[in-house]
Amino acid sequence: MNHQKLQGKTALITGASKGLGKAMALALAEAGARLALVARNLEQLNATAAAVRELGAEAAVYQVDVTDETQIARLAEAVAGRFGGLQILINNAGINIRKSVTDFTLDEWRQVMDTNLTSVFLMCRAFVPQMKGQSYGRIINLTSIMSHVSIAGRTAYSASKTGLLGFTRALALELAPEKITVNGISPGPFATEMNAALMQNAELSQQFLARLPLGRWGKVEEVGQLAVYLCAEDAGFITGTDILIDGGWTAQ
């Protein structure tokens, strides 16, 4: 049964305050995992933790900027002290600035790169030592359909997510001897806060949905269940790959 799949496992999720991060937190909680929830918005993070605890799972909240090396070092110490180590790391924190490349400032470019790519390096560097030596481990990086295809106005986002896909593949090879799998999940258009502006614009929303053979926005719960599967023992032979959950967009 689903609630038994991750019993005894501790999972850390970044960007856990809303959207896909919150959905994955709830799904992993239902599967029996203990949760270390990380984000910058403390109020939203506490709401996620409350929902996790209602499911009977243990949850700890950490208000952290995952682009800050010092804060991540302190986070690693705190998680080790609270849970004794980590088995599952889900790097979900991300931002998207949509504009023409000629309108980007260097600070905006770096903000996207630091949040979507450099933060994953910092998190893996800090937490992989806790994961080694257990003959089990799961790292999931939220890549994006924009790792595979792109559209205008997404230069920074697509560059960061394509880089993250390359990082995921290389890290999978590095950690395979430790039986730690590393995979990406590439969501297409999902009904999240990040896409709220598109969803509220009827014309743009229809343009996106027209690209999808399934003709609808993705549900965040679908990513949550995929994450549970990738973290379970059943998925132990899957590593170094990227799973597209995009309503058929890239199949066309």
Protein backbone atom coordinates (compact mmCIF):
# COMPACT_ATOMS: atom_id res chain seq x y z
CA MET A 1 0.00 0.00 0.00
CA ASN A 2 1.09 3.56 -0.73
CA HIS A 3 1.29 4.61 2.91
CA GLN A 4 3.95 1.96 3.61
CA LYS A 5 6.31 2.66 0.72
CA LEU A 6 8.52 5.22 2.51
CA GLN A 7 8.19 4.19 6.14
CA GLY A 8 11.35 5.01 8.07
CA LYS A 9 12.68 7.39 5.40
CA THR A 10 13.45 11.08 5.89
CA ALA A 11 12.88 13.37 2.93
CA LEU A 12 13.89 16.98 2.46
CA ILE A 13 11.95 19.07 -0.05
CA THR A 14 12.96 22.57 -1.10
CA GLY A 15 10.33 24.98 -2.31
CA ALA A 16 7.90 23.07 -0.09
CA SER A 17 5.69 26.05 0.73
CA LYS A 18 3.38 25.78 -2.29
CA GLY A 19 2.70 24.27 -5.70
CA LEU A 20 4.53 21.11 -6.69
CA GLY A 21 6.67 21.18 -3.54
CA LYS A 22 3.64 21.10 -1.27
CA ALA A 23 2.00 18.40 -3.38
CA MET A 24 5.11 16.21 -3.14
CA ALA A 25 5.31 16.81 0.61
CA LEU A 26 1.75 15.60 1.08
CA ALA A 27 2.27 12.58 -1.17
CA LEU A 28 5.46 11.53 0.62
CA ALA A 29 3.77 12.05 3.98
CA GLU A 30 0.96 9.70 2.93
CA ALA A 31 3.65 7.19 1.97
CA GLY A 32 5.06 7.30 5.50
CA ALA A 33 8.10 9.56 5.13
CA ARG A 34 9.30 12.08 7.69
CA LEU A 35 9.56 15.53 6.14
CA ALA A 36 12.10 18.35 6.37
CA LEU A 37 10.34 21.24 4.65
CA VAL A 38 12.42 24.09 3.27
CA ALA A 39 11.37 27.43 1.76
CA ARG A 40 11.68 31.17 2.32
CA ASN A 41 8.02 31.93 3.07
CA LEU A 42 7.53 30.84 6.68
CA GLU A 43 3.76 31.33 6.78
CA GLN A 44 3.16 29.15 3.74
CA LEU A 45 5.74 26.64 4.95
CA ASN A 46 3.93 26.28 8.27
CA ALA A 47 0.69 25.66 6.37
CA THR A 48 2.35 22.82 4.46
CA ALA A 49 3.71 21.38 7.71
CA ALA A 50 0.25 21.50 9.29
CA ALA A 51 -1.23 19.61 6.34
CA VAL A 52 1.55 17.02 6.56
CA ARG A 53 0.96 16.51 10.27
CA GLU A 54 -2.76 16.05 9.67
CA LEU A 55 -1.75 13.00 7.63
CA GLY A 56 0.08 11.63 10.66
CA ALA A 57 3.61 12.33 9.40
CA GLU A 58 6.42 14.09 11.22
CA ALA A 59 7.42 17.46 9.77
CA ALA A 60 10.06 20.06 10.59
CA VAL A 61 10.14 23.53 9.06
CA TYR A 62 13.30 25.35 7.96
CA GLN A 63 13.16 28.90 6.62
CA VAL A 64 16.17 28.94 4.32
CA ASP A 65 17.36 30.73 1.18
CA VAL A 66 18.75 27.82 -0.84
CA THR A 67 21.04 30.12 -2.82
CA ASP A 68 22.95 30.96 0.38
CA GLU A 69 25.86 28.63 1.07
CA THR A 70 26.05 29.48 4.79
CA GLN A 71 22.35 28.92 5.37
CA ILE A 72 22.53 25.54 3.64
CA ALA A 73 25.46 24.47 5.83
CA ARG A 74 23.40 25.32 8.92
CA LEU A 75 20.42 23.49 7.44
CA ALA A 76 22.46 20.31 6.97
CA GLU A 77 23.53 20.42 10.62
CA ALA A 78 19.96 21.03 11.79
CA VAL A 79 18.51 18.18 9.73
CA ALA A 80 21.21 15.77 10.92
CA GLY A 81 20.52 16.79 14.51
CA ARG A 82 16.75 16.40 14.18
CA PHE A 83 16.49 13.30 12.00
CA GLY A 84 19.92 11.69 12.23
CA GLY A 85 20.47 11.91 8.49
CA LEU A 86 18.67 11.96 5.19
CA GLN A 87 17.61 9.38 2.61
CA ILE A 88 15.62 11.47 0.11
CA LEU A 89 16.44 14.90 -1.31
CA ILE A 90 14.00 16.68 -3.62
CA ASN A 91 15.33 19.88 -5.17
CA ASN A 92 12.19 21.72 -6.19
CA ALA A 93 12.87 25.41 -5.47
CA GLY A 94 12.74 27.45 -8.62
CA ILE A 95 11.79 30.76 -10.22
CA ASN A 96 10.95 31.92 -13.72
CA ILE A 97 11.45 35.43 -15.07
CA ARG A 98 9.74 35.80 -18.42
CA LYS A 99 11.12 38.50 -20.71
CA SER A 100 13.20 39.13 -23.80
CA VAL A 101 16.91 38.39 -23.42
CA THR A 102 17.70 42.03 -24.24
CA ASP A 103 15.55 43.14 -21.31
CA PHE A 104 17.29 40.93 -18.72
CA THR A 105 19.58 42.53 -16.22
CA LEU A 106 22.62 40.57 -15.12
CA ASP A 107 21.21 40.40 -11.60
CA GLU A 108 17.97 38.87 -12.90
CA TRP A 109 19.90 36.32 -14.96
CA ARG A 110 21.99 35.35 -11.95
CA GLN A 111 18.89 35.14 -9.76
CA VAL A 112 17.35 32.53 -12.05
CA MET A 113 20.61 30.58 -12.36
CA ASP A 114 21.33 30.68 -8.63
CA THR A 115 17.82 29.57 -7.66
CA ASN A 116 17.28 26.90 -10.29
CA LEU A 117 20.76 25.44 -10.72
CA THR A 118 23.39 26.59 -8.24
CA SER A 119 21.09 25.86 -5.29
CA VAL A 120 20.89 22.21 -6.38
CA PHE A 121 24.68 21.96 -6.42
CA LEU A 122 24.84 23.49 -2.94
CA MET A 123 22.12 21.20 -1.57
CA CYS A 124 23.67 18.06 -3.04
CA ARG A 125 27.14 18.99 -1.83
CA ALA A 126 25.77 19.49 1.69
CA PHE A 127 23.48 16.45 1.92
CA VAL A 128 25.07 13.70 -0.17
CA PRO A 129 27.52 12.92 2.67
CA GLN A 130 24.52 12.19 4.92
CA MET A 131 23.05 9.87 2.29
CA LYS A 132 26.12 7.76 1.60
CA GLY A 133 26.71 4.41 3.26
CA GLN A 134 23.04 3.37 3.44
CA SER A 135 22.83 1.38 0.16
CA TYR A 136 19.76 3.45 -0.60
CA GLY A 137 19.14 7.05 -1.51
CA ARG A 138 16.99 9.13 -3.78
CA ILE A 139 17.65 12.54 -5.29
CA ILE A 140 14.96 14.10 -7.47
CA ASN A 141 15.63 17.34 -9.28
CA LEU A 142 12.67 19.25 -10.68
CA THR A 143 13.90 19.95 -14.15
CA SER A 144 11.23 21.14 -16.61
CA ILE A 145 9.79 20.53 -20.03
CA MET A 146 11.98 23.56 -20.82
CA SER A 147 14.96 21.21 -20.43
CA HIS A 148 13.83 19.65 -23.71
CA VAL A 149 11.91 22.29 -25.66
CA SER A 150 11.43 26.00 -25.22
CA ILE A 151 9.42 29.05 -26.17
CA ALA A 152 10.23 32.73 -26.55
CA GLY A 153 10.92 34.69 -23.39
CA ARG A 154 12.37 31.74 -21.46
CA THR A 155 16.11 32.11 -22.12
CA ALA A 156 17.21 32.17 -18.48
CA TYR A 157 14.74 29.55 -17.32
CA SER A 158 15.49 27.15 -20.18
CA ALA A 159 19.23 27.58 -19.73
CA SER A 160 19.02 26.87 -16.00
CA LYS A 161 16.79 23.82 -16.39
CA THR A 162 18.85 22.37 -19.25
CA GLY A 163 21.93 22.78 -17.08
CA LEU A 164 20.11 21.04 -14.24
CA LEU A 165 19.37 18.07 -16.49
CA GLY A 166 23.05 17.73 -17.31
CA PHE A 167 23.91 17.97 -13.61
CA THR A 168 21.35 15.25 -12.85
CA ARG A 169 22.83 12.81 -15.36
CA ALA A 170 26.41 13.32 -14.19
CA LEU A 171 25.51 13.05 -10.51
CA ALA A 172 23.61 9.82 -11.17
CA LEU A 173 26.80 8.23 -12.49
CA GLU A 174 28.81 9.59 -9.59
CA LEU A 175 26.47 8.20 -6.94
CA ALA A 176 25.52 4.89 -8.55
CA PRO A 177 28.13 2.93 -6.52
CA GLU A 178 26.38 4.16 -3.37
CA LYS A 179 22.99 2.90 -4.64
CA ILE A 180 21.75 6.49 -4.63
CA THR A 181 19.58 7.17 -7.65
CA VAL A 182 19.37 10.64 -9.20
CA ASN A 183 16.54 11.52 -11.56
CA GLY A 184 14.73 14.49 -12.97
CA ILE A 185 11.04 15.20 -13.20
CA SER A 186 10.15 17.53 -16.08
CA PRO A 187 6.66 18.96 -15.61
CA GLY A 188 4.86 20.65 -18.46
CA PRO A 189 2.08 23.18 -17.85
CA PHE A 190 0.77 22.60 -14.34
CA ALA A 191 -1.85 24.46 -12.37
CA THR A 192 0.57 26.15 -9.97
CA GLU A 193 1.19 29.65 -8.69
CA MET A 194 4.08 30.01 -11.15
CA ASN A 195 1.60 29.68 -14.03
CA ALA A 196 -1.18 31.73 -12.45
CA ALA A 197 -0.73 34.66 -14.85
CA LEU A 198 -0.99 32.33 -17.85
CA MET A 199 -4.01 30.51 -16.47
CA GLN A 200 -5.84 33.76 -15.79
CA ASN A 201 -5.23 34.97 -19.35
CA ALA A 202 -7.78 33.07 -21.42
CA GLU A 203 -5.98 33.58 -24.73
CA LEU A 204 -2.56 32.53 -23.44
CA SER A 205 -4.06 29.62 -21.53
CA GLN A 206 -5.72 28.31 -24.68
CA GLN A 207 -2.44 28.64 -26.57
CA PHE A 208 -0.75 26.41 -24.01
CA LEU A 209 -3.56 23.90 -23.88
CA ALA A 210 -3.57 23.69 -27.67
CA ARG A 211 -0.04 22.24 -27.45
CA LEU A 212 -1.23 19.38 -25.25
CA PRO A 213 -2.86 16.25 -26.69
CA LEU A 214 -4.55 15.73 -23.32
CA GLY A 215 -5.95 19.27 -23.50
CA ARG A 216 -5.71 20.22 -19.83
CA TRP A 217 -3.42 21.65 -17.20
CA GLY A 218 -1.56 19.12 -15.10
CA LYS A 219 -2.68 18.45 -11.53
CA VAL A 220 -0.02 18.91 -8.85
CA GLU A 221 -1.07 15.62 -7.23
CA GLU A 222 0.15 13.78 -10.32
CA VAL A 223 3.70 14.99 -9.71
CA GLY A 224 3.35 14.03 -6.06
CA GLN A 225 2.54 10.43 -6.91
CA LEU A 226 5.37 10.25 -9.44
CA ALA A 227 7.79 11.44 -6.77
CA VAL A 228 6.59 8.73 -4.38
CA TYR A 229 7.21 6.07 -7.01
CA LEU A 230 10.72 7.32 -7.79
CA CYS A 231 11.55 7.33 -4.08
CA ALA A 232 10.25 3.82 -3.46
CA GLU A 233 12.27 0.63 -3.60
CA ASP A 234 10.33 -0.28 -6.76
CA ALA A 235 12.24 2.39 -8.69
CA GLY A 236 15.72 1.32 -7.63
CA PHE A 237 16.79 0.53 -11.22
CA ILE A 238 15.88 4.00 -12.53
CA THR A 239 18.68 6.55 -12.45
CA GLY A 240 20.23 9.22 -14.62
CA THR A 241 17.04 9.88 -16.51
CA ASP A 242 14.38 12.54 -16.76
CA ILE A 243 10.69 11.74 -16.67
CA LEU A 244 8.47 14.06 -18.65
CA ILE A 245 5.02 14.63 -17.24
CA ASP A 246 3.76 17.07 -19.83
CA GLY A 247 0.41 15.97 -21.22
CA GLY A 248 2.04 14.75 -24.41
CA TRP A 249 3.64 18.07 -25.40
CA THR A 250 7.03 16.65 -26.38
CA ALA A 251 5.54 13.57 -28.06
CA GLN A 252 4.31 15.69 -30.96
